[in-house]
PDB file of N, CA and C in Angstrom:
ATOM      1  N   MET A   1       1.056  -1.108  -0.186  1.00  0.00           N
ATOM      2  CA  MET A   1      -0.340   0.347   0.218  1.00  0.00           C
ATOM      3  C   MET A   1       1.157   1.029  -0.119  1.00  0.00           C
ATOM      4  N   GLN A   2       0.461   2.332  -0.761  1.00  0.00           N
ATOM      5  CA  GLN A   2       0.852   3.228  -0.571  1.00  0.00           C
ATOM      6  C   GLN A   2      -0.293   4.493   0.200  1.00  0.00           C
ATOM      7  N   ALA A   3       0.596   5.685   0.487  1.00  0.00           N
ATOM      8  CA  ALA A   3      -0.762   6.046   1.058  1.00  0.00           C
ATOM      9  C   ALA A   3       0.648   7.685   1.122  1.00  0.00           C
ATOM     10  N   LEU A   4      -0.405   8.905   1.176  1.00  0.00           N
ATOM     11  CA  LEU A   4      -0.038  10.396   1.507  1.00  0.00           C
ATOM     12  C   LEU A   4      -0.561  10.644   2.975  1.00  0.00           C
ATOM     13  N   ILE A   5      -0.166  11.044   3.632  1.00  0.00           N
ATOM     14  CA  ILE A   5      -0.833  11.694   4.483  1.00  0.00           C
ATOM     15  C   ILE A   5      -1.199  13.279   4.785  1.00  0.00           C
ATOM     16  N   PHE A   6      -1.960  13.463   5.193  1.00  0.00           N
ATOM     17  CA  PHE A   6      -2.510  15.003   4.629  1.00  0.00           C
ATOM     18  C   PHE A   6      -2.889  15.552   5.530  1.00  0.00           C
ATOM     19  N   ASP A   7      -3.569  15.449   7.059  1.00  0.00           N
ATOM     20  CA  ASP A   7      -3.691  15.862   8.491  1.00  0.00           C
ATOM     21  C   ASP A   7      -3.516  15.061   9.349  1.00  0.00           C
ATOM     22  N   SER A   8      -3.440  15.100  10.786  1.00  0.00           N
ATOM     23  CA  SER A   8      -3.089  14.542  11.835  1.00  0.00           C
ATOM     24  C   SER A   8      -3.534  15.325  13.185  1.00  0.00           C
ATOM     25  N   VAL A   9      -4.186  14.974  13.968  1.00  0.00           N
ATOM     26  CA  VAL A   9      -5.021  15.668  14.887  1.00  0.00           C
ATOM     27  C   VAL A   9      -4.904  15.023  15.916  1.00  0.00           C
ATOM     28  N   TYR A  10      -4.896  15.953  17.016  1.00  0.00           N
ATOM     29  CA  TYR A  10      -4.555  15.104  18.693  1.00  0.00           C
ATOM     30  C   TYR A  10      -5.934  15.205  19.431  1.00  0.00           C
ATOM     31  N   ASN A  11      -6.196  13.320  19.970  1.00  0.00           N
ATOM     32  CA  ASN A  11      -7.881  13.428  20.328  1.00  0.00           C
ATOM     33  C   ASN A  11      -7.362  13.492  22.302  1.00  0.00           C
ATOM     34  N   PRO A  12      -7.752  13.659  22.425  1.00  0.00           N
ATOM     35  CA  PRO A  12      -7.234  13.800  23.864  1.00  0.00           C
ATOM     36  C   PRO A  12      -8.142  12.631  24.619  1.00  0.00           C
ATOM     37  N   PHE A  13      -8.707  11.656  24.146  1.00  0.00           N
ATOM     38  CA  PHE A  13      -9.098  11.152  24.591  1.00  0.00           C
ATOM     39  C   PHE A  13      -8.834   9.387  23.201  1.00  0.00           C
ATOM     40  N   ARG A  14      -8.621   9.803  22.766  1.00  0.00           N
ATOM     41  CA  ARG A  14      -7.955   8.118  21.697  1.00  0.00           C
ATOM     42  C   ARG A  14      -5.996   8.315  20.752  1.00  0.00           C
ATOM     43  N   GLY A  15      -5.640  10.063  20.964  1.00  0.00           N
ATOM     44  CA  GLY A  15      -4.231   9.612  21.082  1.00  0.00           C
ATOM     45  C   GLY A  15      -4.279  10.374  19.730  1.00  0.00           C
ATOM     46  N   ILE A  16      -3.210   9.976  19.230  1.00  0.00           N
ATOM     47  CA  ILE A  16      -3.107  11.283  17.721  1.00  0.00           C
ATOM     48  C   ILE A  16      -4.113  10.606  15.930  1.00  0.00           C
ATOM     49  N   GLU A  17      -5.040  10.927  15.500  1.00  0.00           N
ATOM     50  CA  GLU A  17      -5.216  10.498  14.565  1.00  0.00           C
ATOM     51  C   GLU A  17      -4.654  10.705  13.396  1.00  0.00           C
ATOM     52  N   THR A  18      -4.463   9.783  12.516  1.00  0.00           N
ATOM     53  CA  THR A  18      -3.582  10.552  11.086  1.00  0.00           C
ATOM     54  C   THR A  18      -4.683  10.639  10.231  1.00  0.00           C
ATOM     55  N   TYR A  19      -4.638  11.143   9.070  1.00  0.00           N
ATOM     56  CA  TYR A  19      -5.868  11.621   8.246  1.00  0.00           C
ATOM     57  C   TYR A  19      -4.391  10.817   6.646  1.00  0.00           C
ATOM     58  N   PHE A  20      -4.747   9.870   6.170  1.00  0.00           N
ATOM     59  CA  PHE A  20      -4.378   9.528   4.455  1.00  0.00           C
ATOM     60  C   PHE A  20      -4.939   9.317   3.225  1.00  0.00           C
ATOM     61  N   ARG A  21      -4.484  10.127   2.507  1.00  0.00           N
ATOM     62  CA  ARG A  21      -5.032   9.751   0.919  1.00  0.00           C
ATOM     63  C   ARG A  21      -4.273   8.357   0.713  1.00  0.00           C
ATOM     64  N   ILE A  22      -4.930   7.242   0.111  1.00  0.00           N
ATOM     65  CA  ILE A  22      -4.625   5.437  -0.092  1.00  0.00           C
ATOM     66  C   ILE A  22      -4.261   6.253  -1.818  1.00  0.00           C
ATOM     67  N   MET A  23      -2.961   5.879  -2.413  1.00  0.00           N
ATOM     68  CA  MET A  23      -2.302   6.658  -3.388  1.00  0.00           C
ATOM     69  C   MET A  23      -2.320   4.619  -4.190  1.00  0.00           C
ATOM     70  N   SER A  24      -2.050   3.750  -3.844  1.00  0.00           N
ATOM     71  CA  SER A  24      -2.486   2.431  -4.282  1.00  0.00           C
ATOM     72  C   SER A  24      -2.513   1.592  -2.985  1.00  0.00           C
ATOM     73  N   GLY A  25      -3.121  -0.095  -3.413  1.00  0.00           N
ATOM     74  CA  GLY A  25      -3.457  -1.051  -2.262  1.00  0.00           C
ATOM     75  C   GLY A  25      -5.061  -0.453  -1.213  1.00  0.00           C
ATOM     76  N   ARG A  26      -5.004  -0.787  -0.478  1.00  0.00           N
ATOM     77  CA  ARG A  26      -6.195  -0.985   0.433  1.00  0.00           C
ATOM     78  C   ARG A  26      -5.391  -1.658   2.029  1.00  0.00           C
ATOM     79  N   ILE A  27      -6.484  -0.544   2.880  1.00  0.00           N
ATOM     80  CA  ILE A  27      -6.495  -0.885   4.084  1.00  0.00           C
ATOM     81  C   ILE A  27      -7.190  -1.392   4.543  1.00  0.00           C
ATOM     82  N   SER A  28      -7.313  -1.684   6.010  1.00  0.00           N
ATOM     83  CA  SER A  28      -7.714  -3.032   6.580  1.00  0.00           C
ATOM     84  C   SER A  28      -7.557  -2.185   8.270  1.00  0.00           C
ATOM     85  N   LYS A  29      -8.795  -2.775   8.843  1.00  0.00           N
ATOM     86  CA  LYS A  29      -8.424  -2.194  10.427  1.00  0.00           C
ATOM     87  C   LYS A  29      -7.853  -3.653  11.275  1.00  0.00           C
ATOM     88  N   GLY A  30      -7.161  -3.446  11.566  1.00  0.00           N
ATOM     89  CA  GLY A  30      -5.931  -4.189  11.773  1.00  0.00           C
ATOM     90  C   GLY A  30      -4.422  -4.345  11.319  1.00  0.00           C
ATOM     91  N   ASP A  31      -4.036  -3.767   9.696  1.00  0.00           N
ATOM     92  CA  ASP A  31      -3.035  -3.653   9.130  1.00  0.00           C
ATOM     93  C   ASP A  31      -1.453  -3.266  10.009  1.00  0.00           C
ATOM     94  N   ARG A  32      -0.781  -3.200   9.657  1.00  0.00           N
ATOM     95  CA  ARG A  32       0.274  -2.645  10.492  1.00  0.00           C
ATOM     96  C   ARG A  32       0.616  -1.230   9.493  1.00  0.00           C
ATOM     97  N   ILE A  33       0.913   0.030   9.473  1.00  0.00           N
ATOM     98  CA  ILE A  33       0.997   1.101   8.706  1.00  0.00           C
ATOM     99  C   ILE A  33       2.532   1.543   9.220  1.00  0.00           C
ATOM    100  N   LYS A  34       3.595   1.464   8.326  1.00  0.00           N
ATOM    101  CA  LYS A  34       5.257   1.900   8.436  1.00  0.00           C
ATOM    102  C   LYS A  34       5.286   3.150   7.938  1.00  0.00           C
ATOM    103  N   PHE A  35       6.039   4.271   8.750  1.00  0.00           N
ATOM    104  CA  PHE A  35       6.279   5.388   7.892  1.00  0.00           C
ATOM    105  C   PHE A  35       7.259   5.089   7.586  1.00  0.00           C
ATOM    106  N   MET A  36       7.601   5.906   6.654  1.00  0.00           N
ATOM    107  CA  MET A  36       9.321   5.071   5.816  1.00  0.00           C
ATOM    108  C   MET A  36       9.584   6.924   6.277  1.00  0.00           C
ATOM    109  N   ALA A  37       9.344   7.329   7.070  1.00  0.00           N
ATOM    110  CA  ALA A  37      10.511   8.725   7.019  1.00  0.00           C
ATOM    111  C   ALA A  37      11.276   8.575   8.647  1.00  0.00           C
ATOM    112  N   THR A  38      10.392   7.274   9.706  1.00  0.00           N
ATOM    113  CA  THR A  38      10.997   7.644  10.622  1.00  0.00           C
ATOM    114  C   THR A  38      11.138   5.416  11.267  1.00  0.00           C
ATOM    115  N   GLY A  39      11.002   4.987  10.233  1.00  0.00           N
ATOM    116  CA  GLY A  39      10.291   4.106   9.916  1.00  0.00           C
ATOM    117  C   GLY A  39      10.169   3.249  11.514  1.00  0.00           C
ATOM    118  N   LYS A  40       8.821   3.386  12.042  1.00  0.00           N
ATOM    119  CA  LYS A  40       7.789   3.115  12.875  1.00  0.00           C
ATOM    120  C   LYS A  40       6.441   2.539  12.276  1.00  0.00           C
ATOM    121  N   GLU A  41       6.373   1.219  13.060  1.00  0.00           N
ATOM    122  CA  GLU A  41       5.316   0.825  12.741  1.00  0.00           C
ATOM    123  C   GLU A  41       3.739   0.899  13.759  1.00  0.00           C
ATOM    124  N   TYR A  42       2.956   1.169  13.168  1.00  0.00           N
ATOM    125  CA  TYR A  42       1.908   1.393  13.769  1.00  0.00           C
ATOM    126  C   TYR A  42       0.839   0.522  13.255  1.00  0.00           C
ATOM    127  N   ASN A  43      -0.311   0.607  14.523  1.00  0.00           N
ATOM    128  CA  ASN A  43      -1.868  -1.004  13.894  1.00  0.00           C
ATOM    129  C   ASN A  43      -2.931  -0.409  13.584  1.00  0.00           C
ATOM    130  N   ALA A  44      -3.790  -0.201  12.743  1.00  0.00           N
ATOM    131  CA  ALA A  44      -4.438   1.277  12.450  1.00  0.00           C
ATOM    132  C   ALA A  44      -5.969   0.216  13.306  1.00  0.00           C
ATOM    133  N   ASP A  45      -6.002   1.578  14.156  1.00  0.00           N
ATOM    134  CA  ASP A  45      -7.348   0.851  14.582  1.00  0.00           C
ATOM    135  C   ASP A  45      -8.222   0.510  14.693  1.00  0.00           C
ATOM    136  N   GLU A  46      -8.962   1.892  13.332  1.00  0.00           N
ATOM    137  CA  GLU A  46      -9.920   2.287  12.878  1.00  0.00           C
ATOM    138  C   GLU A  46     -10.052   2.853  11.608  1.00  0.00           C
ATOM    139  N   VAL A  47     -10.618   2.043   9.901  1.00  0.00           N
ATOM    140  CA  VAL A  47     -10.250   2.602   9.666  1.00  0.00           C
ATOM    141  C   VAL A  47     -11.957   3.564   8.772  1.00  0.00           C
ATOM    142  N   GLY A  48     -11.966   4.484   7.628  1.00  0.00           N
ATOM    143  CA  GLY A  48     -13.152   4.943   7.650  1.00  0.00           C
ATOM    144  C   GLY A  48     -12.422   5.739   6.341  1.00  0.00           C
ATOM    145  N   ALA A  49     -13.541   6.033   5.639  1.00  0.00           N
ATOM    146  CA  ALA A  49     -13.384   6.254   4.424  1.00  0.00           C
ATOM    147  C   ALA A  49     -14.085   8.004   4.217  1.00  0.00           C
ATOM    148  N   SER A  50     -13.299   8.815   4.025  1.00  0.00           N
ATOM    149  CA  SER A  50     -14.133  10.351   3.209  1.00  0.00           C
ATOM    150  C   SER A  50     -14.437  10.468   1.730  1.00  0.00           C
ATOM    151  N   ASN A  51     -15.882  10.704   0.772  1.00  0.00           N
ATOM    152  CA  ASN A  51     -15.391  11.376  -0.106  1.00  0.00           C
ATOM    153  C   ASN A  51     -15.866  12.688   0.044  1.00  0.00           C
ATOM    154  N   SER A  52     -14.762  12.874  -0.847  1.00  0.00           N
ATOM    155  CA  SER A  52     -14.368  14.708  -1.355  1.00  0.00           C
ATOM    156  C   SER A  52     -13.879  15.515  -2.101  1.00  0.00           C
ATOM    157  N   SER A  53     -14.876  14.444  -2.796  1.00  0.00           N
ATOM    158  CA  SER A  53     -14.948  14.712  -5.057  1.00  0.00           C
ATOM    159  C   SER A  53     -16.590  15.513  -4.945  1.00  0.00           C
ATOM    160  N   LYS A  54     -15.654  16.089  -5.593  1.00  0.00           N
ATOM    161  CA  LYS A  54     -17.433  17.100  -6.462  1.00  0.00           C
ATOM    162  C   LYS A  54     -17.835  17.149  -7.346  1.00  0.00           C
ATOM    163  N   ASN A  55     -19.200  17.471  -7.263  1.00  0.00           N
ATOM    164  CA  ASN A  55     -20.227  16.935  -8.699  1.00  0.00           C
ATOM    165  C   ASN A  55     -19.735  18.588  -9.336  1.00  0.00           C
ATOM    166  N   HIS A  56     -19.649  18.285 -10.330  1.00  0.00           N
ATOM    167  CA  HIS A  56     -20.299  19.051 -11.823  1.00  0.00           C
ATOM    168  C   HIS A  56     -21.433  18.971 -12.357  1.00  0.00           C
ATOM    169  N   GLU A  57     -21.930  20.633 -12.269  1.00  0.00           N
ATOM    170  CA  GLU A  57     -23.889  20.004 -12.993  1.00  0.00           C
ATOM    171  C   GLU A  57     -23.186  20.468 -14.874  1.00  0.00           C
ATOM    172  N   SER A  58     -23.658  20.410 -15.802  1.00  0.00           N
ATOM    173  CA  SER A  58     -23.625  21.003 -16.905  1.00  0.00           C
ATOM    174  C   SER A  58     -24.489  21.854 -16.996  1.00  0.00           C
ATOM    175  N   THR A  59     -24.742  23.629 -17.040  1.00  0.00           N
ATOM    176  CA  THR A  59     -25.425  24.106 -17.520  1.00  0.00           C
ATOM    177  C   THR A  59     -25.772  24.665 -19.368  1.00  0.00           C
TER     178      THR A  59
END
């Protein structure tokens, strides 16, 4: 899988939440994620999807 991080926030109840754009492959809950810059690995505790595409209407 290849992905780009586009945002991360700190949630006082859950810790750090990181938002990715998946470029290729897929991710599932429980998968291991490796950050290439640091070499550290983490578990994907929760996975969701967001659709930010815009619908264009022709006039």
